[in-house]
Amino acid sequence: MSKKRKNKMKIVVYLMIFAILASTFLTGIAILF
């Protein structure tokens, strides 16, 4: 049970990191062009 919850948290963390990287990347493109 606890293992499943830990995996879910890991997925949430990865999604948050991906969202931050994506927004940073898009902002960089917007500045360049």
PDB file of N, CA and C in Angstrom:
ATOM      1  N   MET A   1       0.834  -1.196   0.000  1.00  0.00           N
ATOM      2  CA  MET A   1       0.000   0.000   0.000  1.00  0.00           C
ATOM      3  C   MET A   1       0.881   1.263   0.000  1.00  0.00           C
ATOM      4  N   SER A   2       1.839   1.302   0.917  1.00  0.00           N
ATOM      5  CA  SER A   2       2.700   2.477   1.020  1.00  0.00           C
ATOM      6  C   SER A   2       3.576   2.612  -0.230  1.00  0.00           C
ATOM      7  N   LYS A   3       3.930   1.467  -0.826  1.00  0.00           N
ATOM      8  CA  LYS A   3       4.773   1.494  -2.019  1.00  0.00           C
ATOM      9  C   LYS A   3       4.029   2.164  -3.181  1.00  0.00           C
ATOM     10  N   LYS A   4       2.741   1.845  -3.316  1.00  0.00           N
ATOM     11  CA  LYS A   4       1.948   2.438  -4.380  1.00  0.00           C
ATOM     12  C   LYS A   4       1.873   3.956  -4.220  1.00  0.00           C
ATOM     13  N   ARG A   5       1.674   4.385  -2.985  1.00  0.00           N
ATOM     14  CA  ARG A   5       1.584   5.825  -2.718  1.00  0.00           C
ATOM     15  C   ARG A   5       2.896   6.516  -3.069  1.00  0.00           C
ATOM     16  N   LYS A   6       4.003   5.877  -2.755  1.00  0.00           N
ATOM     17  CA  LYS A   6       5.322   6.461  -3.044  1.00  0.00           C
ATOM     18  C   LYS A   6       5.490   6.614  -4.561  1.00  0.00           C
ATOM     19  N   ASN A   7       5.069   5.601  -5.326  1.00  0.00           N
ATOM     20  CA  ASN A   7       5.186   5.684  -6.780  1.00  0.00           C
ATOM     21  C   ASN A   7       4.357   6.842  -7.322  1.00  0.00           C
ATOM     22  N   LYS A   8       3.147   7.025  -6.752  1.00  0.00           N
ATOM     23  CA  LYS A   8       2.286   8.112  -7.207  1.00  0.00           C
ATOM     24  C   LYS A   8       2.960   9.454  -6.954  1.00  0.00           C
ATOM     25  N   MET A   9       3.579   9.598  -5.786  1.00  0.00           N
ATOM     26  CA  MET A   9       4.269  10.846  -5.456  1.00  0.00           C
ATOM     27  C   MET A   9       5.403  11.101  -6.437  1.00  0.00           C
ATOM     28  N   LYS A  10       6.128  10.039  -6.783  1.00  0.00           N
ATOM     29  CA  LYS A  10       7.241  10.159  -7.727  1.00  0.00           C
ATOM     30  C   LYS A  10       6.740  10.658  -9.076  1.00  0.00           C
ATOM     31  N   ILE A  11       5.604  10.131  -9.524  1.00  0.00           N
ATOM     32  CA  ILE A  11       5.029  10.547 -10.801  1.00  0.00           C
ATOM     33  C   ILE A  11       4.655  12.028 -10.742  1.00  0.00           C
ATOM     34  N   VAL A  12       4.061  12.440  -9.618  1.00  0.00           N
ATOM     35  CA  VAL A  12       3.674  13.854  -9.464  1.00  0.00           C
ATOM     36  C   VAL A  12       4.907  14.751  -9.525  1.00  0.00           C
ATOM     37  N   VAL A  13       5.975  14.326  -8.855  1.00  0.00           N
ATOM     38  CA  VAL A  13       7.217  15.115  -8.857  1.00  0.00           C
ATOM     39  C   VAL A  13       7.764  15.222 -10.272  1.00  0.00           C
ATOM     40  N   TYR A  14       7.780  14.104 -11.012  1.00  0.00           N
ATOM     41  CA  TYR A  14       8.283  14.129 -12.384  1.00  0.00           C
ATOM     42  C   TYR A  14       7.443  15.055 -13.248  1.00  0.00           C
ATOM     43  N   LEU A  15       6.112  15.020 -13.061  1.00  0.00           N
ATOM     44  CA  LEU A  15       5.225  15.897 -13.843  1.00  0.00           C
ATOM     45  C   LEU A  15       5.520  17.363 -13.538  1.00  0.00           C
ATOM     46  N   MET A  16       5.743  17.669 -12.266  1.00  0.00           N
ATOM     47  CA  MET A  16       6.045  19.054 -11.879  1.00  0.00           C
ATOM     48  C   MET A  16       7.353  19.516 -12.504  1.00  0.00           C
ATOM     49  N   ILE A  17       8.374  18.660 -12.445  1.00  0.00           N
ATOM     50  CA  ILE A  17       9.674  19.006 -13.035  1.00  0.00           C
ATOM     51  C   ILE A  17       9.518  19.210 -14.537  1.00  0.00           C
ATOM     52  N   PHE A  18       8.764  18.308 -15.196  1.00  0.00           N
ATOM     53  CA  PHE A  18       8.551  18.412 -16.637  1.00  0.00           C
ATOM     54  C   PHE A  18       7.841  19.715 -16.979  1.00  0.00           C
ATOM     55  N   ALA A  19       6.828  20.082 -16.176  1.00  0.00           N
ATOM     56  CA  ALA A  19       6.071  21.309 -16.422  1.00  0.00           C
ATOM     57  C   ALA A  19       6.984  22.531 -16.292  1.00  0.00           C
ATOM     58  N   ILE A  20       7.848  22.530 -15.268  1.00  0.00           N
ATOM     59  CA  ILE A  20       8.764  23.656 -15.069  1.00  0.00           C
ATOM     60  C   ILE A  20       9.741  23.755 -16.236  1.00  0.00           C
ATOM     61  N   LEU A  21      10.301  22.615 -16.648  1.00  0.00           N
ATOM     62  CA  LEU A  21      11.244  22.627 -17.768  1.00  0.00           C
ATOM     63  C   LEU A  21      10.562  23.079 -19.048  1.00  0.00           C
ATOM     64  N   ALA A  22       9.339  22.602 -19.283  1.00  0.00           N
ATOM     65  CA  ALA A  22       8.613  22.961 -20.499  1.00  0.00           C
ATOM     66  C   ALA A  22       8.331  24.462 -20.526  1.00  0.00           C
ATOM     67  N   SER A  23       7.893  25.019 -19.396  1.00  0.00           N
ATOM     68  CA  SER A  23       7.585  26.460 -19.344  1.00  0.00           C
ATOM     69  C   SER A  23       8.858  27.282 -19.543  1.00  0.00           C
ATOM     70  N   THR A  24       9.953  26.825 -18.946  1.00  0.00           N
ATOM     71  CA  THR A  24      11.230  27.528 -19.116  1.00  0.00           C
ATOM     72  C   THR A  24      11.662  27.488 -20.571  1.00  0.00           C
ATOM     73  N   PHE A  25      11.514  26.317 -21.204  1.00  0.00           N
ATOM     74  CA  PHE A  25      11.883  26.134 -22.608  1.00  0.00           C
ATOM     75  C   PHE A  25      11.050  27.036 -23.513  1.00  0.00           C
ATOM     76  N   LEU A  26       9.724  27.064 -23.258  1.00  0.00           N
ATOM     77  CA  LEU A  26       8.830  27.899 -24.068  1.00  0.00           C
ATOM     78  C   LEU A  26       9.146  29.373 -23.873  1.00  0.00           C
ATOM     79  N   THR A  27       9.457  29.779 -22.651  1.00  0.00           N
ATOM     80  CA  THR A  27       9.810  31.179 -22.385  1.00  0.00           C
ATOM     81  C   THR A  27      11.088  31.538 -23.143  1.00  0.00           C
ATOM     82  N   GLY A  28      12.039  30.620 -23.154  1.00  0.00           N
ATOM     83  CA  GLY A  28      13.284  30.851 -23.880  1.00  0.00           C
ATOM     84  C   GLY A  28      13.036  31.033 -25.365  1.00  0.00           C
ATOM     85  N   ILE A  29      12.162  30.213 -25.940  1.00  0.00           N
ATOM     86  CA  ILE A  29      11.827  30.331 -27.365  1.00  0.00           C
ATOM     87  C   ILE A  29      11.150  31.676 -27.619  1.00  0.00           C
ATOM     88  N   ALA A  30      10.227  32.049 -26.734  1.00  0.00           N
ATOM     89  CA  ALA A  30       9.501  33.317 -26.894  1.00  0.00           C
ATOM     90  C   ALA A  30      10.480  34.495 -26.879  1.00  0.00           C
ATOM     91  N   ILE A  31      11.513  34.411 -26.024  1.00  0.00           N
ATOM     92  CA  ILE A  31      12.505  35.496 -25.936  1.00  0.00           C
ATOM     93  C   ILE A  31      13.369  35.515 -27.209  1.00  0.00           C
ATOM     94  N   LEU A  32      13.747  34.328 -27.701  1.00  0.00           N
ATOM     95  CA  LEU A  32      14.628  34.253 -28.867  1.00  0.00           C
ATOM     96  C   LEU A  32      13.937  34.774 -30.128  1.00  0.00           C
ATOM     97  N   PHE A  33      12.663  34.441 -30.295  1.00  0.00           N
ATOM     98  CA  PHE A  33      11.961  34.845 -31.527  1.00  0.00           C
ATOM     99  C   PHE A  33      11.089  36.063 -31.288  1.00  0.00           C
TER     100      PHE A  33
END
